[in-house]
Amino acid sequence: MEDQDIQSLIERVHKADSAVKLLTAVRSLASSGHQKAIPILIEALGYNNPGAAVAAVEGLINLGDMSVPYLLEQIDGYNYGARAWATRALAGIGHPSALDHLQEAALTDFSMSVRRSAAKGLGYIGWSKLSGLKVAEGQKKAIETLFKVLDDPEWVVRYAAVVGLQNLAVSLDEKSLVKSIFERLEQQLETESELGVCARIQLALQEIEVLGGKI
């Protein structure tokens, strides 16, 4: 896409004078896949327009790793709504540089939907982008965080933690870490009160045994 084309899409966002026009403009910009769209998509996270924010998040996730520095650079200055949407984008991208932020969000954010997104995102970090020692350290941090999230008062957040732990377990090479996840999920199954979470734990345990083969 030519620079003049992306600039035209950006101008449409800034000139939108209704919620519908803004949503349409953000969707068009998000679908461009152009790096110059990133700052404007991030700007859209703070608009009082959930539809536009969803479109912006999807666009940022599709743009992938190139979105991450922009998101992390500004995240402390966002209003809460924008910060929540940015967390969802970072969780969807899964870049390891967002690990600390996702940990904090999974444990402390007051919105259960943000905690849920962050918890799931911790299970989908692209560890191959880190060097050896940092991989092991990062994986341990993610696992320890998700173990704590299993105590979250909201069942949907605990469910997301199970999903994250399962994905971590089947992708890990370190047997001791896989075993610790398996054992922690077994413990959770004994105390979990929500049937949906129990069913998801059982599935995770089966998948870890079948696909992991490392315990």
N, C-alpha and C. Protein backbone atom coordinates (compact mmCIF):
# COMPACT_ATOMS: atom_id res chain seq x y z
N MET A 1 0.84 -1.19 0.00
CA MET A 1 0.00 0.00 0.00
C MET A 1 0.88 1.25 0.00
N GLU A 2 0.57 2.19 -0.88
CA GLU A 2 1.33 3.43 -0.98
C GLU A 2 1.09 4.32 0.24
N ASP A 3 2.09 5.18 0.52
CA ASP A 3 1.97 6.08 1.67
C ASP A 3 0.74 6.97 1.57
N GLN A 4 0.43 7.42 0.37
CA GLN A 4 -0.72 8.31 0.22
C GLN A 4 -2.03 7.57 0.52
N ASP A 5 -2.05 6.28 0.25
CA ASP A 5 -3.25 5.48 0.53
C ASP A 5 -3.43 5.31 2.04
N ILE A 6 -2.35 5.00 2.74
CA ILE A 6 -2.46 4.82 4.19
C ILE A 6 -2.79 6.15 4.86
N GLN A 7 -2.25 7.23 4.32
CA GLN A 7 -2.56 8.55 4.87
C GLN A 7 -4.03 8.88 4.71
N SER A 8 -4.59 8.47 3.59
CA SER A 8 -6.02 8.69 3.35
C SER A 8 -6.86 7.94 4.37
N LEU A 9 -6.47 6.71 4.68
CA LEU A 9 -7.19 5.92 5.68
C LEU A 9 -7.08 6.54 7.07
N ILE A 10 -5.91 7.07 7.37
CA ILE A 10 -5.71 7.73 8.67
C ILE A 10 -6.59 8.97 8.78
N GLU A 11 -6.66 9.72 7.71
CA GLU A 11 -7.49 10.93 7.71
C GLU A 11 -8.97 10.59 7.89
N ARG A 12 -9.39 9.47 7.34
CA ARG A 12 -10.78 9.05 7.51
C ARG A 12 -11.10 8.79 8.98
N VAL A 13 -10.14 8.23 9.69
CA VAL A 13 -10.34 8.00 11.13
C VAL A 13 -10.49 9.32 11.86
N HIS A 14 -9.59 10.26 11.57
CA HIS A 14 -9.60 11.53 12.28
C HIS A 14 -10.80 12.40 11.92
N LYS A 15 -11.33 12.22 10.73
CA LYS A 15 -12.45 13.06 10.29
C LYS A 15 -13.81 12.42 10.55
N ALA A 16 -13.83 11.19 11.04
CA ALA A 16 -15.11 10.51 11.29
C ALA A 16 -15.95 11.31 12.28
N ASP A 17 -17.19 11.59 11.90
CA ASP A 17 -18.05 12.43 12.75
C ASP A 17 -19.24 11.67 13.32
N SER A 18 -19.14 10.33 13.30
CA SER A 18 -20.17 9.51 13.93
C SER A 18 -19.54 8.20 14.36
N ALA A 19 -20.21 7.51 15.28
CA ALA A 19 -19.68 6.24 15.77
C ALA A 19 -19.56 5.22 14.65
N VAL A 20 -20.54 5.20 13.75
CA VAL A 20 -20.52 4.24 12.65
C VAL A 20 -19.38 4.54 11.69
N LYS A 21 -19.20 5.81 11.35
CA LYS A 21 -18.11 6.19 10.45
C LYS A 21 -16.75 5.89 11.07
N LEU A 22 -16.65 6.12 12.38
CA LEU A 22 -15.38 5.83 13.06
C LEU A 22 -15.09 4.34 13.03
N LEU A 23 -16.09 3.53 13.31
CA LEU A 23 -15.90 2.08 13.29
C LEU A 23 -15.46 1.62 11.91
N THR A 24 -16.13 2.12 10.87
CA THR A 24 -15.79 1.74 9.50
C THR A 24 -14.37 2.17 9.14
N ALA A 25 -14.01 3.38 9.55
CA ALA A 25 -12.68 3.91 9.23
C ALA A 25 -11.58 3.12 9.94
N VAL A 26 -11.81 2.78 11.21
CA VAL A 26 -10.81 2.02 11.96
C VAL A 26 -10.67 0.62 11.38
N ARG A 27 -11.78 0.01 11.00
CA ARG A 27 -11.71 -1.31 10.37
C ARG A 27 -10.89 -1.27 9.09
N SER A 28 -11.10 -0.25 8.28
CA SER A 28 -10.36 -0.13 7.02
C SER A 28 -8.87 0.06 7.29
N LEU A 29 -8.57 0.89 8.27
CA LEU A 29 -7.17 1.13 8.62
C LEU A 29 -6.53 -0.14 9.17
N ALA A 30 -7.27 -0.85 10.01
CA ALA A 30 -6.74 -2.08 10.61
C ALA A 30 -6.44 -3.13 9.55
N SER A 31 -7.25 -3.17 8.51
CA SER A 31 -7.06 -4.19 7.47
C SER A 31 -5.93 -3.84 6.51
N SER A 32 -5.37 -2.65 6.63
CA SER A 32 -4.30 -2.24 5.72
C SER A 32 -3.01 -3.01 5.96
N GLY A 33 -2.78 -3.43 7.21
CA GLY A 33 -1.55 -4.15 7.53
C GLY A 33 -0.30 -3.29 7.42
N HIS A 34 -0.46 -1.99 7.50
CA HIS A 34 0.66 -1.06 7.32
C HIS A 34 1.18 -0.58 8.67
N GLN A 35 2.50 -0.53 8.80
CA GLN A 35 3.10 -0.12 10.07
C GLN A 35 2.67 1.28 10.49
N LYS A 36 2.45 2.15 9.52
CA LYS A 36 2.06 3.52 9.86
C LYS A 36 0.66 3.59 10.47
N ALA A 37 -0.08 2.49 10.38
CA ALA A 37 -1.41 2.46 10.99
C ALA A 37 -1.33 2.27 12.50
N ILE A 38 -0.21 1.76 12.99
CA ILE A 38 -0.12 1.37 14.40
C ILE A 38 -0.43 2.50 15.38
N PRO A 39 0.21 3.68 15.26
CA PRO A 39 -0.10 4.74 16.23
C PRO A 39 -1.56 5.15 16.23
N ILE A 40 -2.20 5.14 15.08
CA ILE A 40 -3.60 5.54 15.00
C ILE A 40 -4.50 4.46 15.57
N LEU A 41 -4.15 3.20 15.34
CA LEU A 41 -4.92 2.10 15.93
C LEU A 41 -4.81 2.15 17.46
N ILE A 42 -3.63 2.46 17.96
CA ILE A 42 -3.46 2.59 19.41
C ILE A 42 -4.28 3.77 19.93
N GLU A 43 -4.28 4.85 19.18
CA GLU A 43 -5.09 6.01 19.54
C GLU A 43 -6.57 5.62 19.64
N ALA A 44 -7.01 4.75 18.72
CA ALA A 44 -8.41 4.33 18.68
C ALA A 44 -8.80 3.51 19.91
N LEU A 45 -7.82 2.94 20.59
CA LEU A 45 -8.12 2.16 21.80
C LEU A 45 -8.73 3.05 22.88
N GLY A 46 -8.43 4.34 22.83
CA GLY A 46 -8.92 5.26 23.84
C GLY A 46 -10.20 5.96 23.49
N TYR A 47 -10.72 5.72 22.28
CA TYR A 47 -11.99 6.33 21.90
C TYR A 47 -13.13 5.66 22.66
N ASN A 48 -14.18 6.38 22.88
CA ASN A 48 -15.35 5.80 23.55
C ASN A 48 -16.21 5.07 22.53
N ASN A 49 -15.61 4.06 21.91
CA ASN A 49 -16.27 3.31 20.85
C ASN A 49 -15.76 1.87 20.90
N PRO A 50 -16.43 0.99 21.64
CA PRO A 50 -15.96 -0.39 21.80
C PRO A 50 -15.76 -1.12 20.48
N GLY A 51 -16.64 -0.89 19.51
CA GLY A 51 -16.49 -1.55 18.22
C GLY A 51 -15.20 -1.16 17.54
N ALA A 52 -14.87 0.13 17.58
CA ALA A 52 -13.63 0.61 16.99
C ALA A 52 -12.43 0.04 17.75
N ALA A 53 -12.55 -0.06 19.07
CA ALA A 53 -11.45 -0.61 19.87
C ALA A 53 -11.21 -2.08 19.52
N VAL A 54 -12.28 -2.84 19.35
CA VAL A 54 -12.14 -4.25 18.96
C VAL A 54 -11.44 -4.36 17.62
N ALA A 55 -11.85 -3.53 16.66
CA ALA A 55 -11.23 -3.54 15.33
C ALA A 55 -9.76 -3.16 15.43
N ALA A 56 -9.45 -2.18 16.28
CA ALA A 56 -8.06 -1.76 16.45
C ALA A 56 -7.22 -2.86 17.06
N VAL A 57 -7.77 -3.54 18.07
CA VAL A 57 -7.05 -4.66 18.70
C VAL A 57 -6.76 -5.75 17.67
N GLU A 58 -7.75 -6.09 16.87
CA GLU A 58 -7.55 -7.12 15.84
C GLU A 58 -6.48 -6.69 14.85
N GLY A 59 -6.50 -5.41 14.47
CA GLY A 59 -5.48 -4.91 13.55
C GLY A 59 -4.09 -4.96 14.15
N LEU A 60 -3.97 -4.59 15.41
CA LEU A 60 -2.67 -4.62 16.09
C LEU A 60 -2.15 -6.04 16.23
N ILE A 61 -3.05 -6.97 16.54
CA ILE A 61 -2.64 -8.38 16.65
C ILE A 61 -2.17 -8.89 15.29
N ASN A 62 -2.88 -8.55 14.24
CA ASN A 62 -2.49 -8.99 12.90
C ASN A 62 -1.15 -8.39 12.47
N LEU A 63 -0.87 -7.17 12.92
CA LEU A 63 0.42 -6.55 12.62
C LEU A 63 1.55 -7.19 13.42
N GLY A 64 1.19 -7.85 14.52
CA GLY A 64 2.14 -8.68 15.25
C GLY A 64 3.22 -7.92 16.00
N ASP A 65 4.43 -8.46 15.95
CA ASP A 65 5.52 -7.97 16.78
C ASP A 65 5.81 -6.49 16.58
N MET A 66 5.59 -5.97 15.38
CA MET A 66 5.91 -4.57 15.15
C MET A 66 5.02 -3.63 15.98
N SER A 67 3.88 -4.14 16.44
CA SER A 67 2.98 -3.32 17.27
C SER A 67 3.47 -3.20 18.71
N VAL A 68 4.23 -4.18 19.16
CA VAL A 68 4.55 -4.30 20.58
C VAL A 68 5.32 -3.10 21.14
N PRO A 69 6.39 -2.62 20.50
CA PRO A 69 7.11 -1.47 21.08
C PRO A 69 6.22 -0.25 21.25
N TYR A 70 5.34 -0.02 20.29
CA TYR A 70 4.43 1.12 20.37
C TYR A 70 3.49 0.97 21.56
N LEU A 71 2.95 -0.23 21.73
CA LEU A 71 2.02 -0.49 22.83
C LEU A 71 2.69 -0.34 24.19
N LEU A 72 3.87 -0.94 24.34
CA LEU A 72 4.56 -0.90 25.63
C LEU A 72 5.08 0.49 25.96
N GLU A 73 5.47 1.23 24.94
CA GLU A 73 6.01 2.58 25.16
C GLU A 73 4.97 3.50 25.78
N GLN A 74 3.72 3.30 25.40
CA GLN A 74 2.68 4.24 25.83
C GLN A 74 1.75 3.70 26.91
N ILE A 75 1.89 2.44 27.27
CA ILE A 75 0.84 1.79 28.05
C ILE A 75 0.61 2.43 29.42
N ASP A 76 1.64 2.95 30.05
CA ASP A 76 1.47 3.55 31.37
C ASP A 76 0.73 4.89 31.31
N GLY A 77 0.69 5.47 30.11
CA GLY A 77 0.01 6.75 29.97
C GLY A 77 -1.42 6.64 29.50
N TYR A 78 -1.88 5.42 29.23
CA TYR A 78 -3.25 5.23 28.76
C TYR A 78 -4.25 5.47 29.88
N ASN A 79 -5.46 5.88 29.50
CA ASN A 79 -6.54 5.81 30.47
C ASN A 79 -6.88 4.33 30.65
N TYR A 80 -7.70 4.02 31.66
CA TYR A 80 -7.91 2.61 31.96
C TYR A 80 -8.48 1.84 30.78
N GLY A 81 -9.46 2.42 30.09
CA GLY A 81 -10.09 1.72 28.98
C GLY A 81 -9.08 1.36 27.90
N ALA A 82 -8.24 2.32 27.54
CA ALA A 82 -7.23 2.07 26.51
C ALA A 82 -6.21 1.04 26.99
N ARG A 83 -5.85 1.12 28.27
CA ARG A 83 -4.88 0.16 28.83
C ARG A 83 -5.44 -1.26 28.78
N ALA A 84 -6.74 -1.40 29.05
CA ALA A 84 -7.36 -2.72 29.00
C ALA A 84 -7.35 -3.28 27.58
N TRP A 85 -7.69 -2.44 26.61
CA TRP A 85 -7.66 -2.89 25.22
C TRP A 85 -6.23 -3.22 24.78
N ALA A 86 -5.26 -2.40 25.21
CA ALA A 86 -3.86 -2.65 24.86
C ALA A 86 -3.38 -3.98 25.43
N THR A 87 -3.84 -4.30 26.63
CA THR A 87 -3.48 -5.58 27.25
C THR A 87 -4.01 -6.73 26.41
N ARG A 88 -5.22 -6.60 25.92
CA ARG A 88 -5.79 -7.64 25.06
C ARG A 88 -4.96 -7.81 23.79
N ALA A 89 -4.51 -6.69 23.23
CA ALA A 89 -3.68 -6.76 22.03
C ALA A 89 -2.35 -7.46 22.33
N LEU A 90 -1.71 -7.09 23.42
CA LEU A 90 -0.43 -7.71 23.79
C LEU A 90 -0.60 -9.20 24.06
N ALA A 91 -1.70 -9.57 24.69
CA ALA A 91 -1.96 -10.98 24.96
C ALA A 91 -2.13 -11.75 23.65
N GLY A 92 -2.78 -11.13 22.69
CA GLY A 92 -3.01 -11.79 21.41
C GLY A 92 -1.75 -11.92 20.57
N ILE A 93 -0.83 -10.97 20.73
CA ILE A 93 0.42 -11.01 19.96
C ILE A 93 1.39 -12.02 20.56
N GLY A 94 1.50 -12.03 21.89
CA GLY A 94 2.34 -13.03 22.56
C GLY A 94 3.83 -12.79 22.48
N HIS A 95 4.25 -11.54 22.38
CA HIS A 95 5.68 -11.27 22.36
C HIS A 95 6.23 -11.30 23.79
N PRO A 96 7.39 -11.93 24.01
CA PRO A 96 7.92 -12.06 25.37
C PRO A 96 8.22 -10.74 26.07
N SER A 97 8.41 -9.67 25.33
CA SER A 97 8.68 -8.39 25.97
C SER A 97 7.47 -7.87 26.75
N ALA A 98 6.31 -8.44 26.48
CA ALA A 98 5.09 -8.04 27.20
C ALA A 98 4.84 -8.91 28.43
N LEU A 99 5.76 -9.82 28.73
CA LEU A 99 5.55 -10.79 29.82
C LEU A 99 5.25 -10.11 31.15
N ASP A 100 6.06 -9.13 31.53
CA ASP A 100 5.87 -8.48 32.82
C ASP A 100 4.50 -7.81 32.90
N HIS A 101 4.12 -7.15 31.83
CA HIS A 101 2.81 -6.48 31.84
C HIS A 101 1.67 -7.49 31.94
N LEU A 102 1.77 -8.59 31.20
CA LEU A 102 0.72 -9.60 31.24
C LEU A 102 0.63 -10.25 32.62
N GLN A 103 1.77 -10.45 33.25
CA GLN A 103 1.77 -11.00 34.62
C GLN A 103 1.00 -10.08 35.56
N GLU A 104 1.34 -8.81 35.52
CA GLU A 104 0.69 -7.84 36.40
C GLU A 104 -0.82 -7.78 36.13
N ALA A 105 -1.18 -7.75 34.85
CA ALA A 105 -2.60 -7.65 34.50
C ALA A 105 -3.37 -8.89 34.94
N ALA A 106 -2.77 -10.06 34.75
CA ALA A 106 -3.44 -11.31 35.11
C ALA A 106 -3.72 -11.40 36.61
N LEU A 107 -2.85 -10.80 37.40
CA LEU A 107 -2.97 -10.90 38.85
C LEU A 107 -3.73 -9.75 39.50
N THR A 108 -3.66 -8.56 38.91
CA THR A 108 -4.13 -7.39 39.64
C THR A 108 -5.20 -6.56 38.96
N ASP A 109 -5.44 -6.74 37.67
CA ASP A 109 -6.42 -5.88 37.01
C ASP A 109 -7.81 -6.11 37.60
N PHE A 110 -8.57 -5.03 37.78
CA PHE A 110 -9.89 -5.20 38.41
C PHE A 110 -10.94 -5.75 37.45
N SER A 111 -10.65 -5.72 36.15
CA SER A 111 -11.59 -6.26 35.16
C SER A 111 -11.30 -7.74 34.93
N MET A 112 -12.31 -8.58 35.13
CA MET A 112 -12.09 -10.01 34.95
C MET A 112 -11.79 -10.34 33.49
N SER A 113 -12.33 -9.56 32.55
CA SER A 113 -12.07 -9.85 31.14
C SER A 113 -10.61 -9.57 30.78
N VAL A 114 -10.02 -8.55 31.41
CA VAL A 114 -8.61 -8.25 31.18
C VAL A 114 -7.74 -9.33 31.83
N ARG A 115 -8.08 -9.72 33.06
CA ARG A 115 -7.33 -10.79 33.73
C ARG A 115 -7.40 -12.08 32.91
N ARG A 116 -8.56 -12.35 32.37
CA ARG A 116 -8.74 -13.55 31.55
C ARG A 116 -7.86 -13.50 30.31
N SER A 117 -7.88 -12.37 29.59
CA SER A 117 -7.06 -12.23 28.39
C SER A 117 -5.58 -12.37 28.70
N ALA A 118 -5.16 -11.72 29.79
CA ALA A 118 -3.74 -11.78 30.17
C ALA A 118 -3.32 -13.19 30.56
N ALA A 119 -4.19 -13.88 31.30
CA ALA A 119 -3.87 -15.25 31.73
C ALA A 119 -3.72 -16.17 30.53
N LYS A 120 -4.65 -16.08 29.61
CA LYS A 120 -4.55 -16.91 28.41
C LYS A 120 -3.31 -16.54 27.62
N GLY A 121 -3.04 -15.24 27.51
CA GLY A 121 -1.88 -14.78 26.75
C GLY A 121 -0.57 -15.31 27.30
N LEU A 122 -0.48 -15.50 28.61
CA LEU A 122 0.75 -16.03 29.21
C LEU A 122 1.06 -17.44 28.72
N GLY A 123 0.07 -18.14 28.24
CA GLY A 123 0.29 -19.48 27.72
C GLY A 123 0.69 -19.51 26.26
N TYR A 124 0.69 -18.34 25.63
CA TYR A 124 0.95 -18.29 24.19
C TYR A 124 2.10 -17.34 23.86
N ILE A 125 3.04 -17.21 24.76
CA ILE A 125 4.22 -16.38 24.53
C ILE A 125 5.13 -17.06 23.50
N GLY A 126 5.69 -16.27 22.61
CA GLY A 126 6.62 -16.81 21.61
C GLY A 126 8.02 -16.91 22.18
N TRP A 127 8.28 -17.99 22.90
CA TRP A 127 9.54 -18.13 23.63
C TRP A 127 10.75 -18.20 22.71
N SER A 128 10.56 -18.59 21.46
CA SER A 128 11.69 -18.71 20.53
C SER A 128 12.37 -17.37 20.27
N LYS A 129 11.71 -16.29 20.66
CA LYS A 129 12.28 -14.96 20.45
C LYS A 129 13.22 -14.56 21.58
N LEU A 130 13.39 -15.44 22.58
CA LEU A 130 14.31 -15.19 23.69
C LEU A 130 15.49 -16.14 23.62
N SER A 131 16.60 -15.76 24.26
CA SER A 131 17.76 -16.65 24.34
C SER A 131 17.54 -17.68 25.43
N GLY A 132 18.38 -18.70 25.46
CA GLY A 132 18.20 -19.86 26.32
C GLY A 132 17.87 -19.60 27.78
N LEU A 133 18.74 -18.88 28.48
CA LEU A 133 18.53 -18.65 29.91
C LEU A 133 17.28 -17.81 30.15
N LYS A 134 17.04 -16.85 29.29
CA LYS A 134 15.87 -16.00 29.45
C LYS A 134 14.58 -16.77 29.19
N VAL A 135 14.65 -17.78 28.31
CA VAL A 135 13.48 -18.62 28.06
C VAL A 135 13.07 -19.34 29.33
N ALA A 136 14.03 -20.00 29.97
CA ALA A 136 13.74 -20.76 31.19
C ALA A 136 13.20 -19.84 32.29
N GLU A 137 13.81 -18.68 32.44
CA GLU A 137 13.38 -17.73 33.46
C GLU A 137 11.96 -17.24 33.16
N GLY A 138 11.71 -16.90 31.90
CA GLY A 138 10.40 -16.40 31.52
C GLY A 138 9.31 -17.44 31.67
N GLN A 139 9.61 -18.67 31.31
CA GLN A 139 8.62 -19.74 31.43
C GLN A 139 8.26 -20.00 32.89
N LYS A 140 9.27 -19.97 33.75
CA LYS A 140 9.00 -20.17 35.18
C LYS A 140 8.13 -19.05 35.73
N LYS A 141 8.39 -17.82 35.30
CA LYS A 141 7.59 -16.68 35.76
C LYS A 141 6.15 -16.81 35.29
N ALA A 142 5.97 -17.23 34.04
CA ALA A 142 4.62 -17.39 33.51
C ALA A 142 3.86 -18.48 34.26
N ILE A 143 4.54 -19.59 34.53
CA ILE A 143 3.91 -20.70 35.24
C ILE A 143 3.53 -20.29 36.66
N GLU A 144 4.46 -19.65 37.36
CA GLU A 144 4.18 -19.22 38.73
C GLU A 144 2.99 -18.25 38.77
N THR A 145 2.92 -17.37 37.80
CA THR A 145 1.80 -16.43 37.74
C THR A 145 0.49 -17.16 37.52
N LEU A 146 0.48 -18.09 36.58
CA LEU A 146 -0.76 -18.82 36.28
C LEU A 146 -1.19 -19.70 37.45
N PHE A 147 -0.24 -20.22 38.20
CA PHE A 147 -0.60 -20.97 39.41
C PHE A 147 -1.38 -20.07 40.37
N LYS A 148 -0.94 -18.83 40.51
CA LYS A 148 -1.64 -17.88 41.38
C LYS A 148 -3.01 -17.52 40.82
N VAL A 149 -3.09 -17.42 39.49
CA VAL A 149 -4.36 -17.05 38.85
C VAL A 149 -5.41 -18.15 39.05
N LEU A 150 -4.97 -19.37 39.29
CA LEU A 150 -5.92 -20.46 39.56
C LEU A 150 -6.73 -20.20 40.83
N ASP A 151 -6.32 -19.24 41.63
CA ASP A 151 -7.06 -18.87 42.84
C ASP A 151 -7.95 -17.65 42.62
N ASP A 152 -8.04 -17.18 41.38
CA ASP A 152 -8.87 -16.01 41.09
C ASP A 152 -10.33 -16.29 41.48
N PRO A 153 -11.04 -15.31 42.02
CA PRO A 153 -12.44 -15.54 42.42
C PRO A 153 -13.40 -15.76 41.26
N GLU A 154 -13.01 -15.35 40.05
CA GLU A 154 -13.89 -15.50 38.89
C GLU A 154 -13.53 -16.77 38.11
N TRP A 155 -14.53 -17.60 37.86
CA TRP A 155 -14.24 -18.89 37.22
C TRP A 155 -13.73 -18.73 35.80
N VAL A 156 -14.17 -17.68 35.08
CA VAL A 156 -13.70 -17.51 33.70
C VAL A 156 -12.21 -17.22 33.66
N VAL A 157 -11.70 -16.57 34.69
CA VAL A 157 -10.27 -16.28 34.77
C VAL A 157 -9.50 -17.56 35.09
N ARG A 158 -10.03 -18.35 36.01
CA ARG A 158 -9.39 -19.64 36.33
C ARG A 158 -9.38 -20.54 35.09
N TYR A 159 -10.46 -20.52 34.35
CA TYR A 159 -10.56 -21.30 33.11
C TYR A 159 -9.44 -20.89 32.15
N ALA A 160 -9.25 -19.58 32.00
CA ALA A 160 -8.20 -19.08 31.11
C ALA A 160 -6.82 -19.51 31.59
N ALA A 161 -6.63 -19.55 32.91
CA ALA A 161 -5.35 -19.99 33.46
C ALA A 161 -5.08 -21.45 33.11
N VAL A 162 -6.12 -22.27 33.14
CA VAL A 162 -5.98 -23.68 32.77
C VAL A 162 -5.57 -23.79 31.31
N VAL A 163 -6.23 -23.01 30.45
CA VAL A 163 -5.89 -23.02 29.03
C VAL A 163 -4.43 -22.61 28.83
N GLY A 164 -4.02 -21.55 29.52
CA GLY A 164 -2.65 -21.09 29.41
C GLY A 164 -1.64 -22.12 29.89
N LEU A 165 -1.94 -22.76 31.00
CA LEU A 165 -1.04 -23.78 31.54
C LEU A 165 -0.95 -24.99 30.63
N GLN A 166 -2.07 -25.39 30.05
CA GLN A 166 -2.04 -26.52 29.12
C GLN A 166 -1.13 -26.21 27.94
N ASN A 167 -1.31 -25.03 27.37
CA ASN A 167 -0.51 -24.69 26.19
C ASN A 167 0.97 -24.60 26.54
N LEU A 168 1.27 -24.09 27.72
CA LEU A 168 2.66 -24.06 28.16
C LEU A 168 3.21 -25.48 28.30
N ALA A 169 2.45 -26.33 28.95
CA ALA A 169 2.93 -27.68 29.25
C ALA A 169 3.26 -28.48 27.99
N VAL A 170 2.40 -28.40 26.99
CA VAL A 170 2.63 -29.22 25.79
C VAL A 170 3.73 -28.65 24.91
N SER A 171 4.18 -27.43 25.20
CA SER A 171 5.23 -26.82 24.39
C SER A 171 6.58 -26.79 25.10
N LEU A 172 6.61 -27.20 26.37
CA LEU A 172 7.85 -27.15 27.14
C LEU A 172 8.70 -28.39 26.93
N ASP A 173 10.01 -28.21 27.02
CA ASP A 173 10.93 -29.34 26.96
C ASP A 173 11.41 -29.76 28.35
N GLU A 174 11.30 -28.87 29.31
CA GLU A 174 11.77 -29.15 30.66
C GLU A 174 10.76 -30.01 31.41
N LYS A 175 11.11 -31.27 31.64
CA LYS A 175 10.18 -32.22 32.25
C LYS A 175 9.71 -31.78 33.63
N SER A 176 10.60 -31.19 34.40
CA SER A 176 10.22 -30.80 35.76
C SER A 176 9.13 -29.72 35.74
N LEU A 177 9.19 -28.83 34.76
CA LEU A 177 8.16 -27.80 34.65
C LEU A 177 6.83 -28.39 34.22
N VAL A 178 6.88 -29.32 33.27
CA VAL A 178 5.66 -29.98 32.82
C VAL A 178 5.02 -30.74 33.98
N LYS A 179 5.85 -31.42 34.74
CA LYS A 179 5.35 -32.18 35.89
C LYS A 179 4.70 -31.26 36.92
N SER A 180 5.31 -30.10 37.15
CA SER A 180 4.76 -29.17 38.13
C SER A 180 3.39 -28.66 37.69
N ILE A 181 3.23 -28.43 36.39
CA ILE A 181 1.93 -28.00 35.86
C ILE A 181 0.90 -29.10 36.02
N PHE A 182 1.29 -30.31 35.66
CA PHE A 182 0.37 -31.45 35.75
C PHE A 182 -0.11 -31.64 37.19
N GLU A 183 0.83 -31.60 38.12
CA GLU A 183 0.48 -31.81 39.53
C GLU A 183 -0.38 -30.68 40.08
N ARG A 184 -0.09 -29.45 39.66
CA ARG A 184 -0.89 -28.31 40.14
C ARG A 184 -2.32 -28.39 39.60
N LEU A 185 -2.48 -28.82 38.35
CA LEU A 185 -3.82 -28.97 37.79
C LEU A 185 -4.58 -30.10 38.48
N GLU A 186 -3.87 -31.16 38.83
CA GLU A 186 -4.51 -32.24 39.59
C GLU A 186 -5.02 -31.73 40.94
N GLN A 187 -4.22 -30.92 41.60
CA GLN A 187 -4.64 -30.33 42.87
C GLN A 187 -5.85 -29.43 42.68
N GLN A 188 -5.82 -28.65 41.61
CA GLN A 188 -6.94 -27.74 41.35
C GLN A 188 -8.23 -28.51 41.11
N LEU A 189 -8.11 -29.64 40.45
CA LEU A 189 -9.29 -30.45 40.15
C LEU A 189 -9.97 -30.92 41.43
N GLU A 190 -9.19 -31.15 42.46
CA GLU A 190 -9.75 -31.62 43.73
C GLU A 190 -10.53 -30.54 44.47
N THR A 191 -10.19 -29.29 44.24
CA THR A 191 -10.80 -28.20 45.00
C THR A 191 -11.71 -27.30 44.17
N GLU A 192 -11.64 -27.41 42.85
CA GLU A 192 -12.41 -26.52 41.97
C GLU A 192 -13.91 -26.77 42.10
N SER A 193 -14.67 -25.70 42.28
CA SER A 193 -16.12 -25.81 42.49
C SER A 193 -16.93 -25.65 41.21
N GLU A 194 -16.34 -25.05 40.17
CA GLU A 194 -17.06 -24.79 38.92
C GLU A 194 -16.90 -25.97 37.96
N LEU A 195 -18.03 -26.55 37.55
CA LEU A 195 -17.98 -27.75 36.71
C LEU A 195 -17.28 -27.49 35.38
N GLY A 196 -17.51 -26.32 34.80
CA GLY A 196 -16.87 -26.01 33.53
C GLY A 196 -15.36 -25.98 33.63
N VAL A 197 -14.86 -25.45 34.72
CA VAL A 197 -13.41 -25.41 34.93
C VAL A 197 -12.88 -26.82 35.17
N CYS A 198 -13.64 -27.61 35.93
CA CYS A 198 -13.22 -29.00 36.17
C CYS A 198 -13.09 -29.77 34.86
N ALA A 199 -14.07 -29.59 33.99
CA ALA A 199 -14.03 -30.28 32.71
C ALA A 199 -12.82 -29.83 31.89
N ARG A 200 -12.52 -28.53 31.97
CA ARG A 200 -11.37 -28.01 31.20
C ARG A 200 -10.06 -28.52 31.78
N ILE A 201 -10.00 -28.66 33.10
CA ILE A 201 -8.80 -29.22 33.73
C ILE A 201 -8.59 -30.66 33.28
N GLN A 202 -9.66 -31.44 33.26
CA GLN A 202 -9.56 -32.84 32.84
C GLN A 202 -9.05 -32.94 31.41
N LEU A 203 -9.57 -32.06 30.54
CA LEU A 203 -9.10 -32.05 29.16
C LEU A 203 -7.62 -31.68 29.10
N ALA A 204 -7.23 -30.68 29.88
CA ALA A 204 -5.83 -30.26 29.89
C ALA A 204 -4.92 -31.39 30.35
N LEU A 205 -5.31 -32.10 31.39
CA LEU A 205 -4.51 -33.22 31.89
C LEU A 205 -4.35 -34.30 30.83
N GLN A 206 -5.44 -34.58 30.11
CA GLN A 206 -5.38 -35.58 29.05
C GLN A 206 -4.44 -35.14 27.93
N GLU A 207 -4.56 -33.86 27.54
CA GLU A 207 -3.73 -33.35 26.46
C GLU A 207 -2.25 -33.33 26.84
N ILE A 208 -1.99 -32.98 28.08
CA ILE A 208 -0.59 -32.95 28.53
C ILE A 208 0.01 -34.35 28.48
N GLU A 209 -0.77 -35.34 28.87
CA GLU A 209 -0.29 -36.72 28.83
C GLU A 209 -0.09 -37.21 27.40
N VAL A 210 -1.07 -36.92 26.55
CA VAL A 210 -1.03 -37.44 25.18
C VAL A 210 -0.04 -36.69 24.30
N LEU A 211 -0.12 -35.35 24.33
CA LEU A 211 0.70 -34.55 23.43
C LEU A 211 2.08 -34.25 24.00
N GLY A 212 2.13 -34.10 25.33
CA GLY A 212 3.41 -33.78 25.94
C GLY A 212 4.31 -34.98 26.04
N GLY A 213 3.80 -36.02 26.63
CA GLY A 213 4.59 -37.23 26.80
C GLY A 213 5.87 -37.00 27.56
N LYS A 214 5.85 -35.99 28.45
CA LYS A 214 7.10 -35.58 29.10
C LYS A 214 7.05 -35.71 30.61
N ILE A 215 5.99 -36.33 31.14
CA ILE A 215 5.89 -36.39 32.59
C ILE A 215 6.09 -37.82 33.09
